Protein backbone atom coordinates (compact mmCIF):
# COMPACT_ATOMS: atom_id res chain seq x y z
CA MET A 1 41.34 -36.08 19.23
CA ASN A 2 41.12 -39.89 18.82
CA ASN A 3 43.35 -40.88 15.65
CA SER A 4 40.44 -42.98 14.29
CA ALA A 5 38.50 -39.61 13.58
CA SER A 6 38.12 -38.66 9.98
CA PHE A 7 39.47 -35.16 10.75
CA GLY A 8 42.14 -33.83 13.11
CA TYR A 9 41.70 -31.88 16.41
CA GLU A 10 43.10 -28.75 14.92
CA GLN A 11 40.61 -29.02 12.06
CA TYR A 12 37.79 -29.60 14.53
CA ALA A 13 38.78 -26.54 16.40
CA GLN A 14 38.98 -24.34 13.21
CA TRP A 15 35.57 -25.55 11.99
CA ALA A 16 34.09 -24.53 15.27
CA GLU A 17 35.50 -20.90 14.76
CA GLU A 18 34.39 -21.06 11.06
CA SER A 19 30.77 -21.83 12.08
CA LYS A 20 30.38 -18.46 13.63
CA THR A 21 30.12 -17.10 10.14
CA ALA A 22 28.94 -20.18 8.28
CA PRO A 23 26.60 -22.11 10.66
CA LEU A 24 26.42 -25.93 10.15
CA PRO A 25 23.43 -27.55 8.66
CA ARG A 26 21.59 -30.00 10.78
CA LYS A 27 19.52 -33.20 10.45
CA GLN A 28 17.89 -35.84 12.60
CA ILE A 29 18.87 -39.49 12.54
CA LYS A 30 16.26 -41.84 13.80
CA LEU A 31 17.61 -44.82 15.65
CA GLY A 32 14.56 -47.09 16.45
CA ASP A 33 12.34 -44.92 18.71
CA LYS A 34 15.08 -42.36 19.41
CA GLU A 35 16.77 -39.61 17.53
CA ILE A 36 20.17 -37.96 17.53
CA GLU A 37 21.00 -34.59 15.92
CA VAL A 38 23.87 -34.48 13.30
CA PHE A 39 25.56 -31.46 12.00
CA ALA A 40 27.58 -31.50 8.68
CA LEU A 41 31.03 -30.09 8.62
CA PRO A 42 32.54 -28.20 5.53
CA GLY A 43 33.38 -30.53 2.74
CA TYR A 44 30.89 -33.13 4.00
CA LYS A 45 29.72 -33.79 0.44
CA ASP A 46 33.16 -34.71 -0.76
CA TYR A 47 34.75 -36.33 2.29
CA PRO A 48 33.13 -39.14 4.21
CA GLY A 49 32.68 -38.79 7.97
CA ARG A 50 32.76 -35.11 8.31
CA TYR A 51 30.02 -34.97 10.75
CA ILE A 52 29.63 -34.05 14.39
CA TYR A 53 26.94 -35.02 16.70
CA SER A 54 24.89 -33.24 19.55
CA GLY A 55 26.15 -34.33 22.95
CA GLU A 56 22.72 -33.21 24.47
CA SER A 57 20.74 -35.43 22.05
CA ALA A 58 23.40 -38.32 22.52
CA THR A 59 22.91 -38.05 26.26
CA ALA A 60 19.02 -37.59 25.98
CA VAL A 61 18.82 -41.08 24.14
CA ALA A 62 20.64 -42.61 27.07
CA GLN A 63 18.20 -41.02 29.36
CA LYS A 64 21.06 -39.08 31.21
CA HIS A 65 21.62 -35.49 32.05
CA ARG A 66 23.54 -33.38 29.46
CA ASN A 67 26.63 -33.16 31.60
CA SER A 68 27.19 -36.96 31.68
CA MET A 69 29.05 -36.80 28.33
CA LEU A 70 31.60 -34.41 29.81
CA GLN A 71 31.83 -36.56 32.93
CA PHE A 72 32.44 -39.74 30.87
CA LEU A 73 35.34 -37.93 28.99
CA ARG A 74 36.95 -37.02 32.25
CA SER A 75 36.51 -40.44 33.85
CA LYS A 76 38.99 -43.26 33.91
CA SER A 77 36.76 -45.64 32.08
CA PRO A 78 38.60 -47.77 29.33
CA PHE A 79 36.00 -46.61 26.89
CA ALA A 80 37.02 -42.88 27.68
CA LEU A 81 40.74 -43.68 27.45
CA PRO A 82 40.97 -43.13 23.60
CA HIS A 83 39.69 -39.62 24.01
CA LYS A 84 41.84 -38.60 26.93
CA GLY A 85 42.67 -34.83 26.57
CA PHE A 86 39.66 -34.25 24.29
CA GLU A 87 38.38 -30.58 24.66
CA CYS A 88 35.04 -29.89 23.43
CA TYR A 89 34.10 -26.88 21.11
CA THR A 90 30.83 -25.09 20.56
CA PHE A 91 29.47 -24.82 17.11
CA VAL A 92 26.84 -22.45 15.56
CA ILE A 93 24.04 -24.21 13.73
CA GLU A 94 21.63 -23.07 11.16
CA ASN A 95 18.34 -21.62 12.30
CA TYR A 96 19.39 -22.28 15.92
CA ASN A 97 19.98 -19.33 18.37
CA ALA A 98 22.26 -21.35 20.92
CA GLY A 99 25.51 -22.98 20.13
CA ILE A 100 25.89 -26.68 20.43
CA ILE A 101 28.77 -28.73 21.72
CA GLY A 102 29.59 -31.20 18.79
CA TYR A 103 31.26 -34.43 19.19
CA PRO A 104 32.75 -37.03 16.59
CA ALA A 105 31.03 -40.28 16.06
CA GLN A 106 33.80 -42.28 17.88
CA VAL A 107 33.18 -40.26 21.12
CA VAL A 108 29.40 -40.61 21.02
CA PHE A 109 29.50 -44.39 20.35
CA ASP A 110 32.06 -44.89 23.19
CA TYR A 111 29.84 -42.97 25.57
CA TRP A 112 26.92 -45.24 24.62
CA LEU A 113 29.04 -48.28 25.20
CA TYR A 114 30.12 -46.87 28.49
CA GLN A 115 26.45 -46.39 29.45
CA LEU A 116 25.72 -49.93 28.35
CA SER A 117 28.55 -51.33 30.48
CA LYS A 118 26.95 -49.65 33.49
CA GLY A 119 23.72 -51.51 32.78
CA ASN A 120 21.96 -48.56 31.12
CA LEU A 121 19.50 -50.68 28.77
CA ALA A 122 18.29 -47.28 27.26
CA VAL A 123 21.15 -47.37 24.70
CA SER A 124 20.84 -51.10 23.91
CA SER A 125 18.57 -50.60 20.99
CA ILE A 126 20.99 -47.94 19.60
CA ILE A 127 23.98 -50.17 19.74
CA SER A 128 21.97 -52.89 18.20
CA ALA A 129 20.92 -50.79 15.39
CA LEU A 130 24.48 -49.43 14.68
CA GLY A 131 25.76 -53.03 14.65
CA SER A 132 24.38 -53.33 11.13
CA THR A 133 25.08 -49.84 9.85
CA SER A 134 27.38 -46.76 10.45
CA LEU A 135 26.52 -43.64 12.15
CA ASP A 136 28.37 -41.74 9.27
CA LEU A 137 26.40 -43.78 6.60
CA LEU A 138 23.05 -42.76 8.36
CA ALA A 139 24.27 -39.20 8.16
CA ASP A 140 25.26 -39.45 4.64
CA SER A 141 21.60 -40.70 3.94
CA GLN A 142 19.99 -37.88 5.68
CA PHE A 143 21.99 -35.30 3.61
CA GLY A 144 21.34 -37.03 0.49
CA ILE A 145 24.92 -38.44 -0.18
CA ASN A 146 25.38 -41.90 -1.82
CA ARG A 147 29.08 -43.16 -1.58
CA ALA A 148 30.39 -46.05 -3.41
CA VAL A 149 30.77 -49.25 -1.54
CA SER A 150 34.39 -49.15 -2.47
CA GLU A 151 34.89 -45.71 -0.77
CA TYR A 152 33.55 -47.11 2.49
CA GLU A 153 35.83 -50.11 2.15
CA ARG A 154 38.75 -47.83 1.76
CA LEU A 155 37.79 -45.94 4.92
CA ILE A 156 37.45 -49.15 7.00
CA GLN A 157 40.63 -50.47 5.58
CA ASN A 158 42.56 -47.20 6.62
CA ARG A 159 40.90 -47.54 10.08
CA LEU A 160 41.71 -51.27 10.73
CA PHE A 161 44.97 -51.94 8.86
CA THR A 162 48.44 -50.49 8.85
CA LYS A 163 50.61 -50.01 5.78
CA GLU A 164 53.64 -51.62 7.43
CA ALA A 165 53.99 -54.26 10.13
CA VAL A 166 54.13 -53.08 13.55
CA GLU A 167 54.93 -54.70 16.92
CA TYR A 168 51.72 -56.58 17.48
CA LYS A 169 49.57 -56.10 20.61
CA THR A 170 47.25 -58.97 19.84
CA HIS A 171 47.65 -62.64 20.01
CA PHE A 172 45.53 -65.65 19.08
CA PHE A 173 43.91 -67.05 22.24
CA PRO A 174 45.48 -70.37 23.50
CA ALA A 175 41.83 -71.65 23.58
CA TYR A 176 41.43 -70.90 19.76
CA TYR A 177 44.09 -73.75 19.04
CA SER A 178 42.86 -75.87 21.75
CA GLU A 179 39.34 -76.01 20.26
CA LEU A 180 40.59 -76.76 16.89
CA TYR A 181 42.74 -79.64 18.08
CA ARG A 182 39.67 -80.92 19.78
CA ILE A 183 37.27 -80.49 16.86
CA PHE A 184 39.67 -82.17 14.37
CA GLN A 185 40.89 -84.63 16.77
CA ILE A 186 44.54 -83.79 16.23
CA LYS A 187 47.19 -84.15 18.83
CA PRO A 188 49.85 -81.38 19.17
CA THR A 189 53.25 -82.51 17.90
CA GLY A 190 55.35 -79.44 18.80
CA LYS A 191 56.38 -79.19 15.08
CA GLY A 192 54.01 -76.38 14.07
CA LYS A 193 50.34 -76.12 13.65
CA PRO A 194 48.34 -78.39 11.25
CA GLY A 195 47.69 -76.89 7.74
CA VAL A 196 43.89 -77.01 8.45
CA PHE A 197 44.29 -74.46 11.19
CA ALA A 198 45.75 -71.94 8.66
CA GLN A 199 42.80 -72.70 6.32
CA ILE A 200 40.26 -71.92 9.20
CA THR A 201 42.12 -68.84 10.23
CA ARG A 202 42.03 -67.48 6.71
CA GLU A 203 38.63 -68.76 5.30
CA CYS A 204 36.69 -68.54 8.52
CA PHE A 205 38.38 -66.19 11.14
CA TYR A 206 39.69 -63.49 9.15
CA SER A 207 36.78 -63.76 6.69
CA LEU A 208 34.71 -62.17 9.48
CA PHE A 209 36.71 -58.88 9.38
CA PRO A 210 35.40 -55.88 7.62
CA GLY A 211 37.54 -54.50 4.88
CA GLN A 212 38.39 -57.46 3.09
CA ALA A 213 41.30 -58.47 5.66
CA ASN A 214 42.65 -61.32 3.45
CA ASP A 215 43.14 -59.25 0.56
CA ILE A 216 44.96 -56.62 2.56
CA PHE A 217 47.21 -59.37 4.20
CA ASP A 218 47.95 -60.77 0.70
CA GLU A 219 49.06 -57.36 -0.64
CA ARG A 220 51.01 -56.18 2.44
CA ASN A 221 52.44 -59.43 3.76
CA PRO A 222 52.98 -61.51 0.59
CA ASP A 223 55.95 -63.58 1.89
CA ARG A 224 54.48 -64.06 5.27
CA ALA A 225 57.60 -62.30 6.92
CA PHE A 226 55.32 -61.21 9.62
CA TYR A 227 52.23 -62.35 11.57
CA HIS A 228 49.18 -61.01 9.81
CA HIS A 229 48.00 -59.35 13.05
CA GLN A 230 51.06 -57.09 13.03
CA PHE A 231 49.16 -55.19 10.43
CA LEU A 232 46.24 -54.11 12.70
CA THR A 233 45.78 -50.69 14.09
CA ASP A 234 44.45 -50.08 17.58
CA ASP A 235 40.92 -50.20 16.13
CA GLY A 236 41.93 -53.53 14.15
CA ASN A 237 42.94 -55.09 17.41
CA LYS A 238 39.65 -54.19 18.95
CA VAL A 239 37.87 -55.83 16.08
CA PHE A 240 40.22 -58.83 16.40
CA ASN A 241 39.32 -59.34 20.01
CA GLN A 242 35.53 -58.88 19.36
CA ILE A 243 35.50 -61.42 16.65
CA MET A 244 37.72 -63.89 18.68
CA THR A 245 35.36 -63.79 21.39
CA SER A 246 32.38 -64.63 19.08
CA PHE A 247 34.30 -67.23 17.11
CA LEU A 248 35.48 -68.97 20.31
CA THR A 249 31.91 -69.32 21.46
CA PHE A 250 31.01 -70.92 17.96
CA LEU A 251 34.12 -73.32 18.35
CA ARG A 252 33.13 -74.45 21.62
CA GLY A 253 29.78 -75.43 20.35
CA CYS A 254 31.10 -77.46 17.43
CA PRO A 255 31.27 -81.17 17.75
CA CYS A 256 34.28 -83.24 16.77
CA GLY A 257 34.28 -83.87 13.03
CA LYS A 258 35.83 -83.32 9.63
CA LEU A 259 36.45 -80.03 7.73
CA THR A 260 33.33 -80.45 5.56
CA SER A 261 31.04 -80.67 8.49
CA PHE A 262 32.76 -77.72 10.25
CA LEU A 263 32.44 -75.47 7.31
CA VAL A 264 28.66 -76.32 7.12
CA GLN A 265 28.16 -75.24 10.70
CA TYR A 266 30.24 -72.24 9.95
CA GLN A 267 28.00 -71.27 7.12
CA ASN A 268 24.93 -71.80 9.24
CA VAL A 269 26.13 -69.40 11.87
CA TYR A 270 28.02 -66.71 10.00
CA GLY A 271 26.61 -66.99 6.48
CA SER A 272 29.00 -65.36 3.98
CA GLY A 273 31.18 -64.24 6.97
CA PHE A 274 32.04 -60.85 5.92
CA GLN A 275 30.92 -57.92 7.96
CA GLY A 276 30.42 -54.73 5.99
CA THR A 277 30.28 -52.21 8.68
CA LEU A 278 31.97 -51.61 12.05
CA ASP A 279 30.67 -51.66 15.60
CA LEU A 280 33.15 -48.90 16.55
CA ASP A 281 31.76 -45.69 15.24
């Protein structure tokens, strides 16, 4: 199973077997004018993210046949690659005669992203809705669970940031620095980047990360012995590239000027900056 899931594959298989004697409770999550069925796994009241989702309802909201989820998982799509080798299990559900195939949130969301990439606009409203909240958070709400904000921050941090520096896979795009040189009308000297660039990177770019990225970097890389992006997981690298794409669009629309005017424009576009939720679930 994808390593970003909140439970391991062996546990997933074990719970499928256990559901034969202890059927899973079920709820419906409304996503605009659509619904998806969610099923609570053992321990869901104490451990965030212990939910699986109905593949049949996930494909129905995309207006696709029920086998399209399995076809997606067997495809060579980049959205399916994180789930290579995933084998589905059938779960027994309360007050329901037939078993259901249950999928973790990551699989469901990547399936919807795949459908959107193919021009399937039926999922666009779902992805838009989940851009401002978490699928598991909605499931918590349905089951009457209120988790502390700090608990969700911890989950996000574990998902995006490594404990130790790793060989980084992500680099700042050359266009990032080119735009900053243009905006602040500074000529490259070959003697390192101007200090204002580091300020922009910290106060603007990394402030867009969920999970209070700057606090994590200060704690884990206090002497700046590594690049901060060496502390990003695979999901962290995804978020880095997503934010970089957005931020570059913002930079390209900025006129030349001073830092004060730049920060005013940043505030107008991004507000407080910090994203409380992920677009990956």
